[in-house]
């Protein structure tokens, strides 16, 4: 019995897995148990921001292993404090709460918004169609995709969905009861679709008029993924809080929600908590990751490599106009929308030695380690070309 058969025997059948077993990772590559090499443009779904076996991550793990693996939040821990301090320095916010995942970070923002809303007579939450904020009950309530929600109704009440980038729809739904708007600067699971500047301008102008909260979901776009440490920094706006995870832990489970001074003292003793959140080992790798990625040189590397990759995808799209809709995204969060056979392409690409996944129905989503070079982009395009020839040839 192979590993895939074992997985189906012992686990809930909710994942469509690649048909090979990974033995190890090195740099930007994975190797299966037969020694085959795969260029990894999935990176654990945007988690392995510095790739595999990065020396700074390994050093951080070894150092923390000799101290402790877990203490709980009954203790103040220096590695937690250092990471929190660094995040606040980089963003200008006031308080951090560490979690284990992005969905937990969204749940924290939902709770803090609910408390603020109860104090201010506001109750309606707005989210965008096509968004993805997580699979827990609260996060699912603002994940405005029917395929994720329909089997689990009823969810939280007073959550309204509007089309992304529809300024008129936003203006129609906002009122004095509006509590919060949750948004992704680039809807990753929704097909790698950036929000327009017009929509952002309108949303923040309406906040000034109606005094609601705005929360950015930076789970996928954050920690340097777009060439900005957090994507909201690109347009100069300051949401009232944001959620972060995925790349934050450098490969270990770590998330956080971060809030402005306006919300800094809203939670009091006992209002929220977590057993594992802020685990010192994850915070140690998180601190190493943040310190490495947050330099101007590294972020400029992501911007430059991402622009090169996007241009390569756009050029590639002109070669297959009958199959490809468009290439889009920012930094190293990029998508190539095709008209059909996206899932078939994902598995054929794996056979060709290139890993990515599918988002938004028919979009090939590329979230490689941020350390990739242009030579890796060129290799990926060659493998992608062979994939298209196999599938459509």
Protein backbone atom coordinates (compact mmCIF):
# COMPACT_ATOMS: atom_id res chain seq x y z
CA UNK A 1 0.00 0.00 0.00
CA UNK A 2 1.50 3.38 -1.04
CA UNK A 3 1.34 6.61 0.93
CA UNK A 4 -1.63 7.96 -1.02
CA UNK A 5 -3.64 4.82 -0.27
CA UNK A 6 -2.64 5.07 3.40
CA UNK A 7 -3.79 8.68 3.50
CA UNK A 8 -7.19 7.74 2.08
CA UNK A 9 -7.51 4.92 4.62
CA UNK A 10 -6.73 6.97 7.73
CA UNK A 11 -7.75 10.58 7.02
CA UNK A 12 -10.98 12.35 6.20
CA UNK A 13 -11.12 12.49 2.43
CA UNK A 14 -11.04 16.27 1.92
CA UNK A 15 -7.78 16.74 -0.02
CA UNK A 16 -6.94 16.01 -3.64
CA UNK A 17 -3.28 15.08 -3.23
CA UNK A 18 -0.45 14.85 -5.72
CA UNK A 19 0.26 11.19 -6.60
CA UNK A 20 3.81 11.10 -5.25
CA UNK A 21 5.46 11.16 -1.83
CA UNK A 22 7.90 13.92 -0.94
CA UNK A 23 11.17 12.86 0.66
CA UNK A 24 12.82 16.24 1.23
CA UNK A 25 13.10 19.85 0.15
CA UNK A 26 16.18 21.89 -0.72
CA UNK A 27 16.08 25.54 -1.65
CA UNK A 28 13.22 25.97 -4.12
CA UNK A 29 12.95 22.27 -5.02
CA UNK A 30 11.19 19.22 -3.64
CA UNK A 31 12.40 15.64 -4.19
CA UNK A 32 10.20 12.56 -4.15
CA UNK A 33 11.21 9.18 -2.76
CA UNK A 34 12.49 8.10 -6.16
CA UNK A 35 14.75 11.15 -6.34
CA UNK A 36 12.73 13.08 -8.93
CA UNK A 37 13.14 16.84 -8.64
CA UNK A 38 10.21 19.32 -8.65
CA UNK A 39 10.40 23.09 -8.96
CA UNK A 40 8.08 24.17 -6.16
CA UNK A 41 5.93 27.15 -7.14
CA UNK A 42 3.37 26.18 -4.51
CA UNK A 43 5.68 26.46 -1.46
CA UNK A 44 3.28 24.87 0.99
CA UNK A 45 0.53 27.25 -0.27
CA UNK A 46 2.66 30.38 0.22
CA UNK A 47 4.06 29.21 3.58
CA UNK A 48 7.69 28.38 2.80
CA UNK A 49 8.66 31.95 2.02
CA UNK A 50 12.40 31.22 2.29
CA UNK A 51 12.19 27.81 0.67
CA UNK A 52 13.56 24.64 2.25
CA UNK A 53 16.50 24.19 4.61
CA UNK A 54 17.20 27.91 4.76
CA UNK A 55 20.18 28.33 7.12
CA UNK A 56 18.64 31.17 9.14
CA UNK A 57 15.46 29.15 9.73
CA UNK A 58 17.43 26.06 10.73
CA UNK A 59 19.61 28.08 13.11
CA UNK A 60 16.55 29.66 14.75
CA UNK A 61 14.99 26.22 15.26
CA UNK A 62 18.11 24.71 16.78
CA UNK A 63 18.63 27.65 19.11
CA UNK A 64 15.05 27.56 20.38
CA UNK A 65 15.03 23.76 20.71
CA UNK A 66 17.67 24.08 23.38
CA UNK A 67 15.47 26.47 25.36
CA UNK A 68 11.86 25.23 25.18
CA UNK A 69 9.20 24.17 22.73
CA UNK A 70 6.15 25.38 24.59
CA UNK A 71 5.39 27.35 27.75
CA UNK A 72 1.86 28.77 27.25
CA UNK A 73 0.86 32.38 27.48
CA UNK A 74 0.98 32.36 31.28
CA UNK A 75 4.61 33.35 30.69
CA UNK A 76 6.12 36.34 28.93
CA UNK A 77 8.59 35.07 26.35
CA UNK A 78 11.38 37.16 24.85
CA UNK A 79 11.12 35.64 21.37
CA UNK A 80 7.41 36.48 21.23
CA UNK A 81 8.08 40.03 22.33
CA UNK A 82 10.86 40.52 19.79
CA UNK A 83 8.67 39.32 16.95
CA UNK A 84 5.71 41.44 18.06
CA UNK A 85 7.95 44.49 18.38
CA UNK A 86 9.35 43.95 14.90
CA UNK A 87 5.89 43.60 13.32
CA UNK A 88 4.72 46.80 14.98
CA UNK A 89 7.86 48.65 13.89
CA UNK A 90 7.33 47.56 10.31
CA UNK A 91 3.64 48.50 10.18
CA UNK A 92 3.02 51.34 12.66
CA UNK A 93 0.31 49.44 14.54
CA UNK A 94 -0.20 49.19 18.30
CA UNK A 95 -0.90 45.60 19.41
CA UNK A 96 -0.40 42.01 18.20
CA UNK A 97 -2.15 38.77 19.13
CA UNK A 98 -0.43 35.60 17.94
CA UNK A 99 -2.43 32.65 16.61
CA UNK A 100 -1.67 29.31 14.96
CA UNK A 101 -3.32 30.04 11.62
CA UNK A 102 -4.87 32.62 9.36
CA UNK A 103 -8.40 31.47 10.10
CA UNK A 104 -7.78 32.00 13.82
CA UNK A 105 -6.47 35.48 13.08
CA UNK A 106 -9.69 36.28 11.18
CA UNK A 107 -11.74 34.91 14.08
CA UNK A 108 -9.89 37.28 16.41
CA UNK A 109 -10.67 40.25 14.19
CA UNK A 110 -14.32 39.18 14.02
CA UNK A 111 -14.49 39.05 17.81
CA UNK A 112 -12.82 42.39 18.32
CA UNK A 113 -15.10 43.95 15.71
CA UNK A 114 -18.18 42.48 17.39
CA UNK A 115 -17.21 43.97 20.74
CA UNK A 116 -16.52 47.33 19.15
CA UNK A 117 -19.82 47.14 17.27
CA UNK A 118 -21.78 46.38 20.43
CA UNK A 119 -20.31 49.49 22.00
CA UNK A 120 -21.08 51.63 18.97
CA UNK A 121 -24.47 50.37 17.79
CA UNK A 122 -23.17 48.71 14.62
CA UNK A 123 -23.78 45.14 13.48
CA UNK A 124 -23.40 44.62 9.70
CA UNK A 125 -20.25 43.13 8.18
CA UNK A 126 -19.45 43.48 4.48
CA UNK A 127 -17.20 41.11 2.53
CA UNK A 128 -16.48 40.61 -1.16
CA UNK A 129 -17.78 37.94 -3.49
CA UNK A 130 -14.99 35.58 -4.38
CA UNK A 131 -13.14 36.25 -1.13
CA UNK A 132 -11.59 33.57 1.04
CA UNK A 133 -10.92 34.18 4.74
CA UNK A 134 -10.82 30.66 6.17
CA UNK A 135 -12.85 27.55 6.92
CA UNK A 136 -13.84 28.02 10.57
CA UNK A 137 -17.46 29.01 11.12
CA UNK A 138 -16.80 32.70 11.63
CA UNK A 139 -14.25 33.02 8.82
CA UNK A 140 -16.51 31.00 6.55
CA UNK A 141 -19.30 33.52 7.15
CA UNK A 142 -17.28 36.16 5.30
CA UNK A 143 -15.81 33.75 2.72
CA UNK A 144 -18.23 34.77 0.02
CA UNK A 145 -18.08 31.74 -2.23
CA UNK A 146 -21.11 29.47 -2.43
CA UNK A 147 -19.04 26.31 -2.90
CA UNK A 148 -17.51 26.80 0.55
CA UNK A 149 -20.60 28.02 2.39
CA UNK A 150 -23.62 26.15 1.10
CA UNK A 151 -23.16 22.89 3.02
CA UNK A 152 -22.67 24.64 6.36
CA UNK A 153 -25.54 27.10 6.64
CA UNK A 154 -26.66 28.94 8.68
CA UNK A 155 -23.53 30.92 9.40
CA UNK A 156 -23.10 34.24 11.20
CA UNK A 157 -25.94 36.68 10.59
CA UNK A 158 -25.58 40.25 9.31
CA UNK A 159 -22.82 39.38 6.82
CA UNK A 160 -23.38 40.93 3.40
CA UNK A 161 -21.64 40.14 0.11
CA UNK A 162 -20.93 42.61 -2.69
CA UNK A 163 -18.97 42.19 -5.94
CA UNK A 164 -15.31 43.10 -5.72
CA UNK A 165 -14.37 46.39 -7.42
CA UNK A 166 -18.02 47.47 -7.65
CA UNK A 167 -17.97 50.95 -6.15
CA UNK A 168 -21.70 51.52 -6.67
CA UNK A 169 -22.57 48.28 -4.85
CA UNK A 170 -20.33 49.31 -1.96
CA UNK A 171 -21.97 52.71 -1.68
CA UNK A 172 -25.44 51.15 -1.73
CA UNK A 173 -24.77 48.65 1.07
CA UNK A 174 -22.88 50.89 3.51
CA UNK A 175 -24.99 52.65 6.15
CA UNK A 176 -24.91 53.74 9.79
CA UNK A 177 -25.21 50.09 10.89
CA UNK A 178 -22.09 49.03 9.00
CA UNK A 179 -19.65 47.53 11.48
CA UNK A 180 -16.75 46.41 9.31
CA UNK A 181 -15.52 45.66 5.82
CA UNK A 182 -13.15 42.71 5.36
CA UNK A 183 -11.08 42.58 2.19
CA UNK A 184 -8.10 40.96 0.50
CA UNK A 185 -5.93 43.33 -1.52
CA UNK A 186 -5.48 40.45 -3.95
CA UNK A 187 -8.10 37.73 -3.73
CA UNK A 188 -5.85 34.68 -3.86
CA UNK A 189 -8.30 31.80 -3.59
CA UNK A 190 -10.73 33.85 -5.68
CA UNK A 191 -8.44 33.61 -8.70
CA UNK A 192 -5.56 36.03 -7.95
CA UNK A 193 -7.67 39.14 -8.52
CA UNK A 194 -6.35 42.50 -7.24
CA UNK A 195 -8.71 45.13 -5.91
CA UNK A 196 -8.80 48.33 -7.94
CA UNK A 197 -7.51 51.63 -6.61
CA UNK A 198 -10.96 53.17 -7.22
CA UNK A 199 -12.57 50.59 -4.96
CA UNK A 200 -10.00 51.13 -2.22
CA UNK A 201 -10.38 54.90 -2.47
CA UNK A 202 -14.16 54.61 -2.13
CA UNK A 203 -13.98 52.16 0.77
CA UNK A 204 -11.66 54.33 2.84
CA UNK A 205 -13.63 57.49 2.01
CA UNK A 206 -16.81 55.79 3.20
CA UNK A 207 -15.07 54.83 6.45
CA UNK A 208 -14.55 58.52 7.15
CA UNK A 209 -18.23 59.18 6.48
CA UNK A 210 -19.83 56.25 8.32
CA UNK A 211 -17.16 55.42 10.92
CA UNK A 212 -16.93 51.66 10.39
CA UNK A 213 -13.87 49.41 10.70
CA UNK A 214 -11.76 48.13 7.84
CA UNK A 215 -9.78 44.90 8.16
CA UNK A 216 -7.26 43.67 5.59
CA UNK A 217 -6.72 39.95 5.13
CA UNK A 218 -2.97 39.77 4.50
CA UNK A 219 -2.73 36.03 5.11
CA UNK A 220 -1.62 35.31 1.55
CA UNK A 221 -0.42 38.74 0.42
CA UNK A 222 1.67 39.49 3.51
CA UNK A 223 5.26 38.97 4.68
CA UNK A 224 6.83 40.19 1.46
CA UNK A 225 4.77 38.10 -0.96
CA UNK A 226 4.01 41.12 -3.18
CA UNK A 227 7.30 42.98 -2.73
CA UNK A 228 5.74 45.07 0.04
CA UNK A 229 5.96 43.70 3.53
CA UNK A 230 2.17 43.98 3.68
CA UNK A 231 0.21 44.70 0.54
CA UNK A 232 -1.89 47.48 2.08
CA UNK A 233 1.33 49.49 2.35
CA UNK A 234 1.46 49.70 -1.45
CA UNK A 235 -1.44 52.15 -1.63
CA UNK A 236 -0.68 54.03 1.57
CA UNK A 237 -3.88 53.09 3.39
CA UNK A 238 -4.09 52.03 7.03
CA UNK A 239 -6.82 49.52 7.85
CA UNK A 240 -7.94 49.33 11.47
CA UNK A 241 -6.37 45.89 11.72
CA UNK A 242 -5.11 43.04 9.60
CA UNK A 243 -4.65 39.28 9.70
CA UNK A 244 -1.36 37.62 8.80
CA UNK A 245 -0.15 34.00 8.64
CA UNK A 246 1.21 31.62 5.96
CA UNK A 247 4.75 32.94 5.33
CA UNK A 248 4.97 34.53 8.79
CA UNK A 249 6.26 31.37 10.51
CA UNK A 250 8.84 30.48 7.89
CA UNK A 251 7.34 27.00 7.59
CA UNK A 252 5.90 26.54 11.08
CA UNK A 253 2.25 27.28 12.03
CA UNK A 254 2.04 30.95 13.02
CA UNK A 255 -0.50 33.68 12.48
CA UNK A 256 -1.45 36.95 14.09
CA UNK A 257 -3.99 39.71 14.08
CA UNK A 258 -2.66 43.21 14.47
CA UNK A 259 -4.72 46.25 15.45
CA UNK A 260 -4.40 50.04 15.55
CA UNK A 261 -4.42 52.23 18.64
CA UNK A 262 -8.18 52.65 18.20
CA UNK A 263 -8.69 48.98 19.14
CA UNK A 264 -5.59 48.40 21.25
CA UNK A 265 -7.35 48.35 24.62
CA UNK A 266 -10.72 46.93 23.57
CA UNK A 267 -10.02 43.37 24.71
CA UNK A 268 -9.61 42.94 28.46
CA UNK A 269 -8.52 39.97 30.60
CA UNK A 270 -10.34 36.80 29.53
CA UNK A 271 -11.87 38.23 26.33
CA UNK A 272 -9.66 36.08 24.13
CA UNK A 273 -6.98 33.43 24.44
CA UNK A 274 -5.07 30.57 22.89
CA UNK A 275 -3.08 27.59 24.12
CA UNK A 276 -0.61 27.27 21.26
CA UNK A 277 -0.74 30.74 19.71
CA UNK A 278 2.65 32.41 19.86
CA UNK A 279 4.45 29.10 20.27
CA UNK A 280 8.10 30.02 20.95
CA UNK A 281 9.52 27.72 18.27
CA UNK A 282 7.22 29.22 15.64
CA UNK A 283 8.00 32.73 16.88
CA UNK A 284 11.71 32.00 16.59
CA UNK A 285 11.38 30.98 12.94
CA UNK A 286 8.96 33.87 12.46
CA UNK A 287 11.49 36.37 13.76
CA UNK A 288 14.21 34.98 11.49
CA UNK A 289 11.82 35.11 8.52
CA UNK A 290 10.62 38.64 9.18
CA UNK A 291 14.14 39.98 9.69
CA UNK A 292 15.32 38.41 6.44
CA UNK A 293 12.39 39.44 4.28
CA UNK A 294 11.79 42.97 5.58
CA UNK A 295 14.99 44.50 4.17
CA UNK A 296 14.63 46.86 1.21
CA UNK A 297 17.02 44.72 -0.82
CA UNK A 298 14.97 41.57 -0.37
CA UNK A 299 11.62 43.26 -1.06
CA UNK A 300 13.08 44.83 -4.20
CA UNK A 301 14.23 41.38 -5.25
CA UNK A 302 10.65 40.11 -4.91
CA UNK A 303 9.30 43.04 -6.93
CA UNK A 304 11.87 42.58 -9.68
CA UNK A 305 11.52 38.82 -9.94
CA UNK A 306 7.75 39.09 -9.76
CA UNK A 307 7.63 41.65 -12.58
CA UNK A 308 9.86 39.44 -14.73
CA UNK A 309 7.61 36.43 -14.02
CA UNK A 310 4.43 38.39 -14.81
CA UNK A 311 5.88 39.60 -18.10
CA UNK A 312 6.86 36.04 -18.99
CA UNK A 313 3.32 34.84 -18.23
CA UNK A 314 1.82 37.68 -20.29
CA UNK A 315 4.07 36.83 -23.21
CA UNK A 316 3.19 33.16 -22.81
CA UNK A 317 -0.52 34.04 -22.90
CA UNK A 318 -0.13 35.57 -26.37
CA UNK A 319 1.06 32.19 -27.64
CA UNK A 320 -2.13 30.42 -26.48
CA UNK A 321 -4.90 32.99 -27.05
CA UNK A 322 -7.50 30.26 -27.61
CA UNK A 323 -6.76 28.78 -24.16
CA UNK A 324 -5.53 31.55 -21.84
CA UNK A 325 -7.75 34.37 -20.58
CA UNK A 326 -5.07 36.52 -18.92
CA UNK A 327 -2.12 36.67 -16.54
CA UNK A 328 -2.48 38.82 -13.42
CA UNK A 329 -1.27 39.43 -9.88
CA UNK A 330 1.55 41.27 -8.17
CA UNK A 331 4.97 40.38 -6.87
CA UNK A 332 5.19 36.62 -6.43
CA UNK A 333 1.44 36.06 -6.13
CA UNK A 334 0.54 35.47 -9.76
CA UNK A 335 -2.21 33.73 -11.67
CA UNK A 336 -2.76 32.50 -15.20
CA UNK A 337 -6.46 32.09 -15.98
CA UNK A 338 -7.31 29.43 -18.55
CA UNK A 339 -10.61 28.60 -20.20
CA UNK A 340 -10.60 24.90 -19.34
CA UNK A 341 -8.64 21.90 -18.01
CA UNK A 342 -6.92 23.76 -15.16
CA UNK A 343 -6.96 20.74 -12.88
CA UNK A 344 -5.56 18.51 -15.61
CA UNK A 345 -2.77 21.02 -16.15
CA UNK A 346 -1.89 21.06 -12.46
CA UNK A 347 -1.25 17.31 -12.41
CA UNK A 348 0.44 17.24 -15.80
CA UNK A 349 2.76 20.06 -14.67
CA UNK A 350 3.70 17.96 -11.65
CA UNK A 351 4.68 15.15 -14.04
CA UNK A 352 6.81 17.71 -15.86
CA UNK A 353 8.45 18.71 -12.55
CA UNK A 354 6.58 21.96 -11.77
CA UNK A 355 4.25 22.42 -8.81
CA UNK A 356 1.41 24.93 -8.50
CA UNK A 357 -2.27 24.76 -7.63
CA UNK A 358 -5.64 26.00 -8.88
CA UNK A 359 -7.64 28.96 -7.52
CA UNK A 360 -10.91 30.57 -8.49
CA UNK A 361 -12.01 27.70 -10.72
CA UNK A 362 -9.63 27.96 -13.67
CA UNK A 363 -6.66 30.03 -12.54
CA UNK A 364 -3.22 28.48 -12.23
CA UNK A 365 -1.85 30.05 -9.03
CA UNK A 366 1.89 30.54 -8.56
CA UNK A 367 3.21 31.30 -5.07
CA UNK A 368 6.88 30.25 -5.19
CA UNK A 369 9.41 30.75 -2.41
CA UNK A 370 10.40 34.41 -2.36
CA UNK A 371 14.04 33.44 -2.87
CA UNK A 372 13.54 32.33 -6.48
CA UNK A 373 15.73 33.88 -9.16
CA UNK A 374 14.95 34.66 -12.79
CA UNK A 375 16.60 31.40 -13.80
CA UNK A 376 13.89 29.55 -11.85
CA UNK A 377 11.19 31.55 -13.63
CA UNK A 378 12.70 30.55 -16.97
CA UNK A 379 12.75 26.91 -15.88
CA UNK A 380 9.12 27.17 -14.77
CA UNK A 381 8.04 28.64 -18.11
CA UNK A 382 9.75 25.81 -20.00
CA UNK A 383 7.94 23.22 -17.89
CA UNK A 384 4.67 25.11 -18.26
CA UNK A 385 5.07 25.16 -22.02
CA UNK A 386 5.60 21.39 -22.07
CA UNK A 387 2.49 21.04 -19.90
CA UNK A 388 0.35 23.02 -22.36
CA UNK A 389 1.66 20.97 -25.27
CA UNK A 390 0.77 17.74 -23.46
CA UNK A 391 -2.73 18.88 -22.42
CA UNK A 392 -3.74 20.77 -25.54
CA UNK A 393 -1.21 19.44 -28.05
